[in-house]
Amino acid sequence: MLALITATALAACGRNGDQGPLAQSQASSVAPGAGSPSAANAKLVKAVKAMLDRDEQLRTANLSVNADVTKNEVTLSGTVESEAMRAKAVELAKTAHVGVIVNDKLIVKPRRSNMVPQKTVQV
């Protein structure tokens, strides 16, 4: 009979959300934001940006990085001057995290030359 009363009391405590002192102390020892998707997204964005900053041309490019760790995806957007720079940015982003999927939304827009075209004069 005593075992039945104890089991009923423990079950009632579990239903009321009281997890006991051990569970409460473990929950309070977890740092705020640890393991949160937004913190993980920020960490992945930082890792990708660090990889892109290793390249002199990409460091000066106007690139944006967004991450979604729940999908293991990174999205690159912005403008680069060549297809080679685009490919390099995508490859560097892939090295920031094992197995990350890179969504390439980069626009290739060659830099305009400062040279003025010469007109041909026919005589």
PDB file of N, CA and C in Angstrom:
ATOM      1  N   MET A   1       0.820  -1.183   0.000  1.00  0.00           N
ATOM      2  CA  MET A   1       0.000   0.000   0.000  1.00  0.00           C
ATOM      3  C   MET A   1       0.873   1.260   0.000  1.00  0.00           C
ATOM      4  N   LEU A   2       1.928   1.266   0.785  1.00  0.00           N
ATOM      5  CA  LEU A   2       2.845   2.396   0.846  1.00  0.00           C
ATOM      6  C   LEU A   2       3.505   2.619  -0.514  1.00  0.00           C
ATOM      7  N   ALA A   3       3.853   1.559  -1.207  1.00  0.00           N
ATOM      8  CA  ALA A   3       4.469   1.670  -2.531  1.00  0.00           C
ATOM      9  C   ALA A   3       3.495   2.299  -3.516  1.00  0.00           C
ATOM     10  N   LEU A   4       2.221   1.940  -3.406  1.00  0.00           N
ATOM     11  CA  LEU A   4       1.205   2.501  -4.293  1.00  0.00           C
ATOM     12  C   LEU A   4       1.045   4.000  -4.060  1.00  0.00           C
ATOM     13  N   ILE A   5       1.049   4.431  -2.822  1.00  0.00           N
ATOM     14  CA  ILE A   5       0.924   5.855  -2.489  1.00  0.00           C
ATOM     15  C   ILE A   5       2.144   6.618  -2.988  1.00  0.00           C
ATOM     16  N   THR A   6       3.349   6.067  -2.815  1.00  0.00           N
ATOM     17  CA  THR A   6       4.578   6.711  -3.261  1.00  0.00           C
ATOM     18  C   THR A   6       4.599   6.849  -4.781  1.00  0.00           C
ATOM     19  N   ALA A   7       4.193   5.783  -5.481  1.00  0.00           N
ATOM     20  CA  ALA A   7       4.166   5.817  -6.939  1.00  0.00           C
ATOM     21  C   ALA A   7       3.166   6.858  -7.439  1.00  0.00           C
ATOM     22  N   THR A   8       2.015   6.960  -6.782  1.00  0.00           N
ATOM     23  CA  THR A   8       0.996   7.935  -7.167  1.00  0.00           C
ATOM     24  C   THR A   8       1.501   9.352  -6.937  1.00  0.00           C
ATOM     25  N   ALA A   9       2.177   9.585  -5.827  1.00  0.00           N
ATOM     26  CA  ALA A   9       2.716  10.910  -5.519  1.00  0.00           C
ATOM     27  C   ALA A   9       3.790  11.309  -6.524  1.00  0.00           C
ATOM     28  N   LEU A  10       4.662  10.384  -6.893  1.00  0.00           N
ATOM     29  CA  LEU A  10       5.709  10.673  -7.872  1.00  0.00           C
ATOM     30  C   LEU A  10       5.105  10.971  -9.239  1.00  0.00           C
ATOM     31  N   ALA A  11       4.098  10.227  -9.620  1.00  0.00           N
ATOM     32  CA  ALA A  11       3.439  10.451 -10.909  1.00  0.00           C
ATOM     33  C   ALA A  11       2.764  11.816 -10.928  1.00  0.00           C
ATOM     34  N   ALA A  12       2.160  12.218  -9.828  1.00  0.00           N
ATOM     35  CA  ALA A  12       1.493  13.518  -9.750  1.00  0.00           C
ATOM     36  C   ALA A  12       2.511  14.645  -9.859  1.00  0.00           C
ATOM     37  N   CYS A  13       3.658  14.482  -9.239  1.00  0.00           N
ATOM     38  CA  CYS A  13       4.703  15.508  -9.326  1.00  0.00           C
ATOM     39  C   CYS A  13       5.178  15.652 -10.769  1.00  0.00           C
ATOM     40  N   GLY A  14       5.310  14.542 -11.473  1.00  0.00           N
ATOM     41  CA  GLY A  14       5.751  14.581 -12.864  1.00  0.00           C
ATOM     42  C   GLY A  14       4.749  15.293 -13.745  1.00  0.00           C
ATOM     43  N   ARG A  15       3.465  15.135 -13.476  1.00  0.00           N
ATOM     44  CA  ARG A  15       2.438  15.779 -14.283  1.00  0.00           C
ATOM     45  C   ARG A  15       2.366  17.275 -14.019  1.00  0.00           C
ATOM     46  N   ASN A  16       2.743  17.711 -12.852  1.00  0.00           N
ATOM     47  CA  ASN A  16       2.663  19.124 -12.502  1.00  0.00           C
ATOM     48  C   ASN A  16       3.889  19.912 -12.970  1.00  0.00           C
ATOM     49  N   GLY A  17       4.810  19.227 -13.654  1.00  0.00           N
ATOM     50  CA  GLY A  17       5.990  19.927 -14.153  1.00  0.00           C
ATOM     51  C   GLY A  17       7.120  19.975 -13.146  1.00  0.00           C
ATOM     52  N   ASP A  18       6.948  19.432 -11.941  1.00  0.00           N
ATOM     53  CA  ASP A  18       8.019  19.412 -10.947  1.00  0.00           C
ATOM     54  C   ASP A  18       8.932  18.246 -11.274  1.00  0.00           C
ATOM     55  N   GLN A  19      10.123  18.552 -11.667  1.00  0.00           N
ATOM     56  CA  GLN A  19      11.042  17.504 -12.080  1.00  0.00           C
ATOM     57  C   GLN A  19      12.033  17.154 -10.982  1.00  0.00           C
ATOM     58  N   GLY A  20      11.889  17.723  -9.832  1.00  0.00           N
ATOM     59  CA  GLY A  20      12.776  17.401  -8.725  1.00  0.00           C
ATOM     60  C   GLY A  20      13.996  18.286  -8.707  1.00  0.00           C
ATOM     61  N   PRO A  21      14.715  18.280  -7.575  1.00  0.00           N
ATOM     62  CA  PRO A  21      15.853  19.186  -7.417  1.00  0.00           C
ATOM     63  C   PRO A  21      17.006  18.876  -8.369  1.00  0.00           C
ATOM     64  N   LEU A  22      17.244  17.608  -8.705  1.00  0.00           N
ATOM     65  CA  LEU A  22      18.355  17.270  -9.589  1.00  0.00           C
ATOM     66  C   LEU A  22      18.106  17.825 -10.993  1.00  0.00           C
ATOM     67  N   ALA A  23      16.922  17.627 -11.518  1.00  0.00           N
ATOM     68  CA  ALA A  23      16.594  18.127 -12.854  1.00  0.00           C
ATOM     69  C   ALA A  23      16.615  19.652 -12.877  1.00  0.00           C
ATOM     70  N   GLN A  24      16.151  20.282 -11.797  1.00  0.00           N
ATOM     71  CA  GLN A  24      16.149  21.743 -11.741  1.00  0.00           C
ATOM     72  C   GLN A  24      17.566  22.292 -11.722  1.00  0.00           C
ATOM     73  N   SER A  25      18.471  21.666 -10.995  1.00  0.00           N
ATOM     74  CA  SER A  25      19.844  22.164 -10.934  1.00  0.00           C
ATOM     75  C   SER A  25      20.546  21.946 -12.266  1.00  0.00           C
ATOM     76  N   GLN A  26      20.223  20.847 -12.979  1.00  0.00           N
ATOM     77  CA  GLN A  26      20.819  20.620 -14.290  1.00  0.00           C
ATOM     78  C   GLN A  26      20.315  21.658 -15.283  1.00  0.00           C
ATOM     79  N   ALA A  27      19.039  21.978 -15.229  1.00  0.00           N
ATOM     80  CA  ALA A  27      18.468  22.954 -16.148  1.00  0.00           C
ATOM     81  C   ALA A  27      19.054  24.340 -15.901  1.00  0.00           C
ATOM     82  N   SER A  28      19.297  24.695 -14.664  1.00  0.00           N
ATOM     83  CA  SER A  28      19.827  26.023 -14.374  1.00  0.00           C
ATOM     84  C   SER A  28      21.315  26.117 -14.698  1.00  0.00           C
ATOM     85  N   SER A  29      22.007  24.981 -14.869  1.00  0.00           N
ATOM     86  CA  SER A  29      23.425  25.034 -15.176  1.00  0.00           C
ATOM     87  C   SER A  29      23.692  25.209 -16.662  1.00  0.00           C
ATOM     88  N   VAL A  30      22.659  25.122 -17.511  1.00  0.00           N
ATOM     89  CA  VAL A  30      22.820  25.331 -18.939  1.00  0.00           C
ATOM     90  C   VAL A  30      22.836  26.832 -19.205  1.00  0.00           C
ATOM     91  N   ALA A  31      23.828  27.274 -19.945  1.00  0.00           N
ATOM     92  CA  ALA A  31      23.954  28.695 -20.239  1.00  0.00           C
ATOM     93  C   ALA A  31      22.799  29.164 -21.105  1.00  0.00           C
ATOM     94  N   PRO A  32      22.311  30.370 -20.858  1.00  0.00           N
ATOM     95  CA  PRO A  32      21.226  30.903 -21.680  1.00  0.00           C
ATOM     96  C   PRO A  32      21.647  30.965 -23.147  1.00  0.00           C
ATOM     97  N   GLY A  33      20.786  30.493 -24.020  1.00  0.00           N
ATOM     98  CA  GLY A  33      21.070  30.542 -25.450  1.00  0.00           C
ATOM     99  C   GLY A  33      21.905  29.393 -25.956  1.00  0.00           C
ATOM    100  N   ALA A  34      22.488  28.599 -25.049  1.00  0.00           N
ATOM    101  CA  ALA A  34      23.307  27.483 -25.496  1.00  0.00           C
ATOM    102  C   ALA A  34      22.428  26.476 -26.206  1.00  0.00           C
ATOM    103  N   GLY A  35      22.836  26.107 -27.393  1.00  0.00           N
ATOM    104  CA  GLY A  35      22.077  25.133 -28.143  1.00  0.00           C
ATOM    105  C   GLY A  35      20.897  25.720 -28.894  1.00  0.00           C
ATOM    106  N   SER A  36      20.695  27.015 -28.806  1.00  0.00           N
ATOM    107  CA  SER A  36      19.570  27.620 -29.503  1.00  0.00           C
ATOM    108  C   SER A  36      19.909  27.732 -30.985  1.00  0.00           C
ATOM    109  N   PRO A  37      18.917  27.603 -31.851  1.00  0.00           N
ATOM    110  CA  PRO A  37      19.188  27.720 -33.285  1.00  0.00           C
ATOM    111  C   PRO A  37      19.779  29.068 -33.678  1.00  0.00           C
ATOM    112  N   SER A  38      19.334  30.145 -33.052  1.00  0.00           N
ATOM    113  CA  SER A  38      19.870  31.458 -33.436  1.00  0.00           C
ATOM    114  C   SER A  38      21.345  31.586 -33.073  1.00  0.00           C
ATOM    115  N   ALA A  39      21.749  31.030 -31.947  1.00  0.00           N
ATOM    116  CA  ALA A  39      23.163  31.070 -31.560  1.00  0.00           C
ATOM    117  C   ALA A  39      23.986  30.209 -32.509  1.00  0.00           C
ATOM    118  N   ALA A  40      23.453  29.052 -32.880  1.00  0.00           N
ATOM    119  CA  ALA A  40      24.152  28.169 -33.813  1.00  0.00           C
ATOM    120  C   ALA A  40      24.234  28.798 -35.201  1.00  0.00           C
ATOM    121  N   ASN A  41      23.170  29.475 -35.628  1.00  0.00           N
ATOM    122  CA  ASN A  41      23.186  30.173 -36.921  1.00  0.00           C
ATOM    123  C   ASN A  41      24.273  31.242 -36.931  1.00  0.00           C
ATOM    124  N   ALA A  42      24.346  32.012 -35.858  1.00  0.00           N
ATOM    125  CA  ALA A  42      25.351  33.072 -35.764  1.00  0.00           C
ATOM    126  C   ALA A  42      26.762  32.491 -35.809  1.00  0.00           C
ATOM    127  N   LYS A  43      26.956  31.357 -35.161  1.00  0.00           N
ATOM    128  CA  LYS A  43      28.268  30.703 -35.149  1.00  0.00           C
ATOM    129  C   LYS A  43      28.649  30.234 -36.554  1.00  0.00           C
ATOM    130  N   LEU A  44      27.685  29.682 -37.282  1.00  0.00           N
ATOM    131  CA  LEU A  44      27.955  29.224 -38.642  1.00  0.00           C
ATOM    132  C   LEU A  44      28.220  30.403 -39.575  1.00  0.00           C
ATOM    133  N   VAL A  45      27.466  31.479 -39.434  1.00  0.00           N
ATOM    134  CA  VAL A  45      27.703  32.682 -40.244  1.00  0.00           C
ATOM    135  C   VAL A  45      29.119  33.193 -39.992  1.00  0.00           C
ATOM    136  N   LYS A  46      29.518  33.230 -38.750  1.00  0.00           N
ATOM    137  CA  LYS A  46      30.855  33.709 -38.393  1.00  0.00           C
ATOM    138  C   LYS A  46      31.938  32.823 -39.013  1.00  0.00           C
ATOM    139  N   ALA A  47      31.724  31.512 -39.004  1.00  0.00           N
ATOM    140  CA  ALA A  47      32.696  30.585 -39.588  1.00  0.00           C
ATOM    141  C   ALA A  47      32.813  30.779 -41.096  1.00  0.00           C
ATOM    142  N   VAL A  48      31.683  30.970 -41.775  1.00  0.00           N
ATOM    143  CA  VAL A  48      31.706  31.186 -43.225  1.00  0.00           C
ATOM    144  C   VAL A  48      32.392  32.506 -43.547  1.00  0.00           C
ATOM    145  N   LYS A  49      32.062  33.559 -42.816  1.00  0.00           N
ATOM    146  CA  LYS A  49      32.692  34.857 -43.063  1.00  0.00           C
ATOM    147  C   LYS A  49      34.198  34.795 -42.843  1.00  0.00           C
ATOM    148  N   ALA A  50      34.622  34.026 -41.854  1.00  0.00           N
ATOM    149  CA  ALA A  50      36.058  33.867 -41.601  1.00  0.00           C
ATOM    150  C   ALA A  50      36.736  33.185 -42.785  1.00  0.00           C
ATOM    151  N   MET A  51      36.071  32.206 -43.379  1.00  0.00           N
ATOM    152  CA  MET A  51      36.631  31.538 -44.552  1.00  0.00           C
ATOM    153  C   MET A  51      36.707  32.504 -45.738  1.00  0.00           C
ATOM    154  N   LEU A  52      35.667  33.282 -45.947  1.00  0.00           N
ATOM    155  CA  LEU A  52      35.647  34.230 -47.058  1.00  0.00           C
ATOM    156  C   LEU A  52      36.698  35.327 -46.877  1.00  0.00           C
ATOM    157  N   ASP A  53      36.940  35.714 -45.633  1.00  0.00           N
ATOM    158  CA  ASP A  53      37.917  36.769 -45.342  1.00  0.00           C
ATOM    159  C   ASP A  53      39.353  36.330 -45.618  1.00  0.00           C
ATOM    160  N   ARG A  54      39.570  35.043 -45.787  1.00  0.00           N
ATOM    161  CA  ARG A  54      40.917  34.548 -46.097  1.00  0.00           C
ATOM    162  C   ARG A  54      41.344  34.909 -47.518  1.00  0.00           C
ATOM    163  N   ASP A  55      40.378  35.194 -48.369  1.00  0.00           N
ATOM    164  CA  ASP A  55      40.673  35.555 -49.753  1.00  0.00           C
ATOM    165  C   ASP A  55      40.597  37.071 -49.901  1.00  0.00           C
ATOM    166  N   GLU A  56      41.668  37.663 -50.444  1.00  0.00           N
ATOM    167  CA  GLU A  56      41.745  39.119 -50.544  1.00  0.00           C
ATOM    168  C   GLU A  56      40.612  39.713 -51.383  1.00  0.00           C
ATOM    169  N   GLN A  57      40.276  39.091 -52.513  1.00  0.00           N
ATOM    170  CA  GLN A  57      39.223  39.620 -53.375  1.00  0.00           C
ATOM    171  C   GLN A  57      37.855  39.476 -52.713  1.00  0.00           C
ATOM    172  N   LEU A  58      37.600  38.339 -52.096  1.00  0.00           N
ATOM    173  CA  LEU A  58      36.307  38.121 -51.457  1.00  0.00           C
ATOM    174  C   LEU A  58      36.140  38.970 -50.209  1.00  0.00           C
ATOM    175  N   ARG A  59      37.249  39.290 -49.558  1.00  0.00           N
ATOM    176  CA  ARG A  59      37.204  40.120 -48.360  1.00  0.00           C
ATOM    177  C   ARG A  59      36.640  41.499 -48.686  1.00  0.00           C
ATOM    178  N   THR A  60      36.942  41.997 -49.883  1.00  0.00           N
ATOM    179  CA  THR A  60      36.483  43.329 -50.261  1.00  0.00           C
ATOM    180  C   THR A  60      35.149  43.304 -51.006  1.00  0.00           C
ATOM    181  N   ALA A  61      34.671  42.112 -51.353  1.00  0.00           N
ATOM    182  CA  ALA A  61      33.386  42.007 -52.052  1.00  0.00           C
ATOM    183  C   ALA A  61      32.250  42.288 -51.068  1.00  0.00           C
ATOM    184  N   ASN A  62      31.131  42.715 -51.594  1.00  0.00           N
ATOM    185  CA  ASN A  62      29.965  43.020 -50.773  1.00  0.00           C
ATOM    186  C   ASN A  62      29.090  41.762 -50.685  1.00  0.00           C
ATOM    187  N   LEU A  63      29.435  40.867 -49.751  1.00  0.00           N
ATOM    188  CA  LEU A  63      28.732  39.596 -49.624  1.00  0.00           C
ATOM    189  C   LEU A  63      27.942  39.519 -48.328  1.00  0.00           C
ATOM    190  N   SER A  64      26.798  38.853 -48.402  1.00  0.00           N
ATOM    191  CA  SER A  64      25.991  38.584 -47.211  1.00  0.00           C
ATOM    192  C   SER A  64      25.936  37.078 -47.002  1.00  0.00           C
ATOM    193  N   VAL A  65      25.922  36.677 -45.742  1.00  0.00           N
ATOM    194  CA  VAL A  65      25.854  35.262 -45.392  1.00  0.00           C
ATOM    195  C   VAL A  65      24.698  35.067 -44.422  1.00  0.00           C
ATOM    196  N   ASN A  66      23.828  34.126 -44.740  1.00  0.00           N
ATOM    197  CA  ASN A  66      22.747  33.726 -43.842  1.00  0.00           C
ATOM    198  C   ASN A  66      22.856  32.229 -43.627  1.00  0.00           C
ATOM    199  N   ALA A  67      22.528  31.781 -42.418  1.00  0.00           N
ATOM    200  CA  ALA A  67      22.643  30.364 -42.108  1.00  0.00           C
ATOM    201  C   ALA A  67      21.355  29.840 -41.489  1.00  0.00           C
ATOM    202  N   ASP A  68      21.092  28.576 -41.751  1.00  0.00           N
ATOM    203  CA  ASP A  68      19.976  27.859 -41.135  1.00  0.00           C
ATOM    204  C   ASP A  68      20.505  26.485 -40.733  1.00  0.00           C
ATOM    205  N   VAL A  69      20.905  26.360 -39.467  1.00  0.00           N
ATOM    206  CA  VAL A  69      21.508  25.107 -39.010  1.00  0.00           C
ATOM    207  C   VAL A  69      20.513  23.963 -38.973  1.00  0.00           C
ATOM    208  N   THR A  70      19.226  24.275 -38.869  1.00  0.00           N
ATOM    209  CA  THR A  70      18.239  23.191 -38.849  1.00  0.00           C
ATOM    210  C   THR A  70      18.201  22.467 -40.194  1.00  0.00           C
ATOM    211  N   LYS A  71      18.591  23.171 -41.258  1.00  0.00           N
ATOM    212  CA  LYS A  71      18.665  22.562 -42.590  1.00  0.00           C
ATOM    213  C   LYS A  71      20.108  22.313 -43.025  1.00  0.00           C
ATOM    214  N   ASN A  72      21.073  22.719 -42.190  1.00  0.00           N
ATOM    215  CA  ASN A  72      22.508  22.647 -42.502  1.00  0.00           C
ATOM    216  C   ASN A  72      22.785  23.386 -43.814  1.00  0.00           C
ATOM    217  N   GLU A  73      22.224  24.600 -43.921  1.00  0.00           N
ATOM    218  CA  GLU A  73      22.347  25.403 -45.137  1.00  0.00           C
ATOM    219  C   GLU A  73      22.928  26.784 -44.853  1.00  0.00           C
ATOM    220  N   VAL A  74      23.658  27.261 -45.836  1.00  0.00           N
ATOM    221  CA  VAL A  74      24.185  28.619 -45.820  1.00  0.00           C
ATOM    222  C   VAL A  74      23.777  29.255 -47.144  1.00  0.00           C
ATOM    223  N   THR A  75      23.342  30.505 -47.102  1.00  0.00           N
ATOM    224  CA  THR A  75      22.991  31.235 -48.321  1.00  0.00           C
ATOM    225  C   THR A  75      23.962  32.395 -48.494  1.00  0.00           C
ATOM    226  N   LEU A  76      24.599  32.420 -49.661  1.00  0.00           N
ATOM    227  CA  LEU A  76      25.487  33.519 -50.015  1.00  0.00           C
ATOM    228  C   LEU A  76      24.756  34.431 -50.981  1.00  0.00           C
ATOM    229  N   SER A  77      24.805  35.730 -50.724  1.00  0.00           N
ATOM    230  CA  SER A  77      24.210  36.686 -51.646  1.00  0.00           C
ATOM    231  C   SER A  77      25.119  37.896 -51.730  1.00  0.00           C
ATOM    232  N   GLY A  78      24.904  38.676 -52.765  1.00  0.00           N
ATOM    233  CA  GLY A  78      25.730  39.847 -52.989  1.00  0.00           C
ATOM    234  C   GLY A  78      26.280  39.825 -54.402  1.00  0.00           C
ATOM    235  N   THR A  79      27.297  40.636 -54.641  1.00  0.00           N
ATOM    236  CA  THR A  79      27.856  40.781 -55.982  1.00  0.00           C
ATOM    237  C   THR A  79      29.340  40.465 -55.975  1.00  0.00           C
ATOM    238  N   VAL A  80      29.759  39.697 -56.979  1.00  0.00           N
ATOM    239  CA  VAL A  80      31.179  39.410 -57.205  1.00  0.00           C
ATOM    240  C   VAL A  80      31.526  39.820 -58.627  1.00  0.00           C
ATOM    241  N   GLU A  81      32.820  39.968 -58.908  1.00  0.00           N
ATOM    242  CA  GLU A  81      33.249  40.479 -60.206  1.00  0.00           C
ATOM    243  C   GLU A  81      33.415  39.423 -61.287  1.00  0.00           C
ATOM    244  N   SER A  82      33.459  38.139 -60.905  1.00  0.00           N
ATOM    245  CA  SER A  82      33.688  37.114 -61.918  1.00  0.00           C
ATOM    246  C   SER A  82      33.107  35.779 -61.478  1.00  0.00           C
ATOM    247  N   GLU A  83      32.970  34.887 -62.463  1.00  0.00           N
ATOM    248  CA  GLU A  83      32.524  33.518 -62.170  1.00  0.00           C
ATOM    249  C   GLU A  83      33.546  32.811 -61.283  1.00  0.00           C
ATOM    250  N   ALA A  84      34.824  33.126 -61.466  1.00  0.00           N
ATOM    251  CA  ALA A  84      35.874  32.510 -60.647  1.00  0.00           C
ATOM    252  C   ALA A  84      35.706  32.897 -59.176  1.00  0.00           C
ATOM    253  N   MET A  85      35.379  34.164 -58.931  1.00  0.00           N
ATOM    254  CA  MET A  85      35.158  34.611 -57.552  1.00  0.00           C
ATOM    255  C   MET A  85      33.918  33.946 -56.971  1.00  0.00           C
ATOM    256  N   ARG A  86      32.895  33.791 -57.787  1.00  0.00           N
ATOM    257  CA  ARG A  86      31.674  33.128 -57.333  1.00  0.00           C
ATOM    258  C   ARG A  86      31.988  31.691 -56.908  1.00  0.00           C
ATOM    259  N   ALA A  87      32.702  30.975 -57.760  1.00  0.00           N
ATOM    260  CA  ALA A  87      33.047  29.583 -57.463  1.00  0.00           C
ATOM    261  C   ALA A  87      33.909  29.489 -56.205  1.00  0.00           C
ATOM    262  N   LYS A  88      34.839  30.420 -56.059  1.00  0.00           N
ATOM    263  CA  LYS A  88      35.718  30.413 -54.884  1.00  0.00           C
ATOM    264  C   LYS A  88      34.913  30.663 -53.611  1.00  0.00           C
ATOM    265  N   ALA A  89      33.977  31.595 -53.665  1.00  0.00           N
ATOM    266  CA  ALA A  89      33.148  31.903 -52.493  1.00  0.00           C
ATOM    267  C   ALA A  89      32.335  30.679 -52.075  1.00  0.00           C
ATOM    268  N   VAL A  90      31.754  29.998 -53.042  1.00  0.00           N
ATOM    269  CA  VAL A  90      30.943  28.813 -52.744  1.00  0.00           C
ATOM    270  C   VAL A  90      31.819  27.721 -52.136  1.00  0.00           C
ATOM    271  N   GLU A  91      32.988  27.479 -52.714  1.00  0.00           N
ATOM    272  CA  GLU A  91      33.879  26.431 -52.201  1.00  0.00           C
ATOM    273  C   GLU A  91      34.375  26.752 -50.789  1.00  0.00           C
ATOM    274  N   LEU A  92      34.729  28.003 -50.547  1.00  0.00           N
ATOM    275  CA  LEU A  92      35.183  28.382 -49.204  1.00  0.00           C
ATOM    276  C   LEU A  92      34.058  28.237 -48.186  1.00  0.00           C
ATOM    277  N   ALA A  93      32.847  28.590 -48.570  1.00  0.00           N
ATOM    278  CA  ALA A  93      31.704  28.454 -47.653  1.00  0.00           C
ATOM    279  C   ALA A  93      31.478  26.985 -47.294  1.00  0.00           C
ATOM    280  N   LYS A  94      31.675  26.096 -48.255  1.00  0.00           N
ATOM    281  CA  LYS A  94      31.492  24.664 -48.004  1.00  0.00           C
ATOM    282  C   LYS A  94      32.495  24.125 -46.992  1.00  0.00           C
ATOM    283  N   THR A  95      33.665  24.749 -46.907  1.00  0.00           N
ATOM    284  CA  THR A  95      34.687  24.266 -45.981  1.00  0.00           C
ATOM    285  C   THR A  95      34.473  24.747 -44.551  1.00  0.00           C
ATOM    286  N   ALA A  96      33.529  25.652 -44.350  1.00  0.00           N
ATOM    287  CA  ALA A  96      33.293  26.202 -43.012  1.00  0.00           C
ATOM    288  C   ALA A  96      32.667  25.176 -42.071  1.00  0.00           C
ATOM    289  N   HIS A  97      31.910  24.226 -42.624  1.00  0.00           N
ATOM    290  CA  HIS A  97      31.236  23.223 -41.804  1.00  0.00           C
ATOM    291  C   HIS A  97      31.034  21.961 -42.643  1.00  0.00           C
ATOM    292  N   VAL A  98      31.321  20.836 -42.073  1.00  0.00           N
ATOM    293  CA  VAL A  98      31.214  19.573 -42.796  1.00  0.00           C
ATOM    294  C   VAL A  98      29.792  19.344 -43.294  1.00  0.00           C
ATOM    295  N   GLY A  99      29.664  19.091 -44.581  1.00  0.00           N
ATOM    296  CA  GLY A  99      28.377  18.742 -45.163  1.00  0.00           C
ATOM    297  C   GLY A  99      27.404  19.884 -45.362  1.00  0.00           C
ATOM    298  N   VAL A 100      27.840  21.120 -45.140  1.00  0.00           N
ATOM    299  CA  VAL A 100      26.921  22.246 -45.282  1.00  0.00           C
ATOM    300  C   VAL A 100      26.525  22.418 -46.753  1.00  0.00           C
ATOM    301  N   ILE A 101      25.273  22.744 -46.964  1.00  0.00           N
ATOM    302  CA  ILE A 101      24.745  23.010 -48.295  1.00  0.00           C
ATOM    303  C   ILE A 101      24.819  24.517 -48.520  1.00  0.00           C
ATOM    304  N   VAL A 102      25.367  24.919 -49.662  1.00  0.00           N
ATOM    305  CA  VAL A 102      25.517  26.342 -49.957  1.00  0.00           C
ATOM    306  C   VAL A 102      24.533  26.732 -51.053  1.00  0.00           C
ATOM    307  N   ASN A 103      23.632  27.641 -50.720  1.00  0.00           N
ATOM    308  CA  ASN A 103      22.713  28.218 -51.700  1.00  0.00           C
ATOM    309  C   ASN A 103      23.399  29.442 -52.294  1.00  0.00           C
ATOM    310  N   ASP A 104      23.689  29.362 -53.579  1.00  0.00           N
ATOM    311  CA  ASP A 104      24.422  30.420 -54.274  1.00  0.00           C
ATOM    312  C   ASP A 104      23.437  31.407 -54.890  1.00  0.00           C
ATOM    313  N   LYS A 105      23.336  32.566 -54.282  1.00  0.00           N
ATOM    314  CA  LYS A 105      22.502  33.633 -54.828  1.00  0.00           C
ATOM    315  C   LYS A 105      23.377  34.838 -55.193  1.00  0.00           C
ATOM    316  N   LEU A 106      24.631  34.539 -55.510  1.00  0.00           N
ATOM    317  CA  LEU A 106      25.580  35.592 -55.876  1.00  0.00           C
ATOM    318  C   LEU A 106      25.313  36.079 -57.296  1.00  0.00           C
ATOM    319  N   ILE A 107      25.524  37.353 -57.513  1.00  0.00           N
ATOM    320  CA  ILE A 107      25.372  37.960 -58.823  1.00  0.00           C
ATOM    321  C   ILE A 107      26.759  38.316 -59.341  1.00  0.00           C
ATOM    322  N   VAL A 108      27.044  37.906 -60.566  1.00  0.00           N
ATOM    323  CA  VAL A 108      28.326  38.247 -61.182  1.00  0.00           C
ATOM    324  C   VAL A 108      28.133  39.531 -61.974  1.00  0.00           C
ATOM    325  N   LYS A 109      28.891  40.524 -61.586  1.00  0.00           N
ATOM    326  CA  LYS A 109      28.804  41.831 -62.241  1.00  0.00           C
ATOM    327  C   LYS A 109      30.229  42.355 -62.390  1.00  0.00           C
ATOM    328  N   PRO A 110      30.797  42.211 -63.594  1.00  0.00           N
ATOM    329  CA  PRO A 110      32.177  42.674 -63.798  1.00  0.00           C
ATOM    330  C   PRO A 110      32.314  44.161 -63.511  1.00  0.00           C
ATOM    331  N   ARG A 111      33.457  44.503 -62.968  1.00  0.00           N
ATOM    332  CA  ARG A 111      33.740  45.916 -62.674  1.00  0.00           C
ATOM    333  C   ARG A 111      33.902  46.677 -63.974  1.00  0.00           C
ATOM    334  N   ARG A 112      33.352  47.864 -64.015  1.00  0.00           N
ATOM    335  CA  ARG A 112      33.488  48.698 -65.205  1.00  0.00           C
ATOM    336  C   ARG A 112      34.905  49.218 -65.322  1.00  0.00           C
ATOM    337  N   SER A 113      35.359  49.276 -66.511  1.00  0.00           N
ATOM    338  CA  SER A 113      36.693  49.793 -66.773  1.00  0.00           C
ATOM    339  C   SER A 113      36.648  51.321 -66.768  1.00  0.00           C
ATOM    340  N   ASN A 114      37.731  51.929 -66.327  1.00  0.00           N
ATOM    341  CA  ASN A 114      37.822  53.389 -66.326  1.00  0.00           C
ATOM    342  C   ASN A 114      38.211  53.940 -67.695  1.00  0.00           C
ATOM    343  N   MET A 115      38.516  53.032 -68.611  1.00  0.00           N
ATOM    344  CA  MET A 115      38.938  53.467 -69.941  1.00  0.00           C
ATOM    345  C   MET A 115      37.723  53.897 -70.761  1.00  0.00           C
ATOM    346  N   VAL A 116      37.898  54.971 -71.491  1.00  0.00           N
ATOM    347  CA  VAL A 116      36.850  55.462 -72.377  1.00  0.00           C
ATOM    348  C   VAL A 116      37.115  54.866 -73.756  1.00  0.00           C
ATOM    349  N   PRO A 117      36.111  54.238 -74.354  1.00  0.00           N
ATOM    350  CA  PRO A 117      36.357  53.667 -75.682  1.00  0.00           C
ATOM    351  C   PRO A 117      36.734  54.748 -76.687  1.00  0.00           C
ATOM    352  N   GLN A 118      37.690  54.437 -77.515  1.00  0.00           N
ATOM    353  CA  GLN A 118      38.121  55.384 -78.532  1.00  0.00           C
ATOM    354  C   GLN A 118      37.234  55.252 -79.760  1.00  0.00           C
ATOM    355  N   LYS A 119      36.912  56.374 -80.328  1.00  0.00           N
ATOM    356  CA  LYS A 119      36.096  56.382 -81.543  1.00  0.00           C
ATOM    357  C   LYS A 119      37.017  56.249 -82.746  1.00  0.00           C
ATOM    358  N   THR A 120      36.546  55.487 -83.685  1.00  0.00           N
ATOM    359  CA  THR A 120      37.301  55.321 -84.911  1.00  0.00           C
ATOM    360  C   THR A 120      36.825  56.362 -85.928  1.00  0.00           C
ATOM    361  N   VAL A 121      37.765  57.068 -86.485  1.00  0.00           N
ATOM    362  CA  VAL A 121      37.445  58.112 -87.459  1.00  0.00           C
ATOM    363  C   VAL A 121      37.870  57.607 -88.824  1.00  0.00           C
ATOM    364  N   GLN A 122      36.957  57.598 -89.759  1.00  0.00           N
ATOM    365  CA  GLN A 122      37.290  57.184 -91.112  1.00  0.00           C
ATOM    366  C   GLN A 122      37.626  58.414 -91.955  1.00  0.00           C
ATOM    367  N   VAL A 123      38.638  58.298 -92.753  1.00  0.00           N
ATOM    368  CA  VAL A 123      39.048  59.412 -93.597  1.00  0.00           C
ATOM    369  C   VAL A 123      38.721  59.149 -95.032  1.00  0.00           C
TER     370      VAL A 123
END
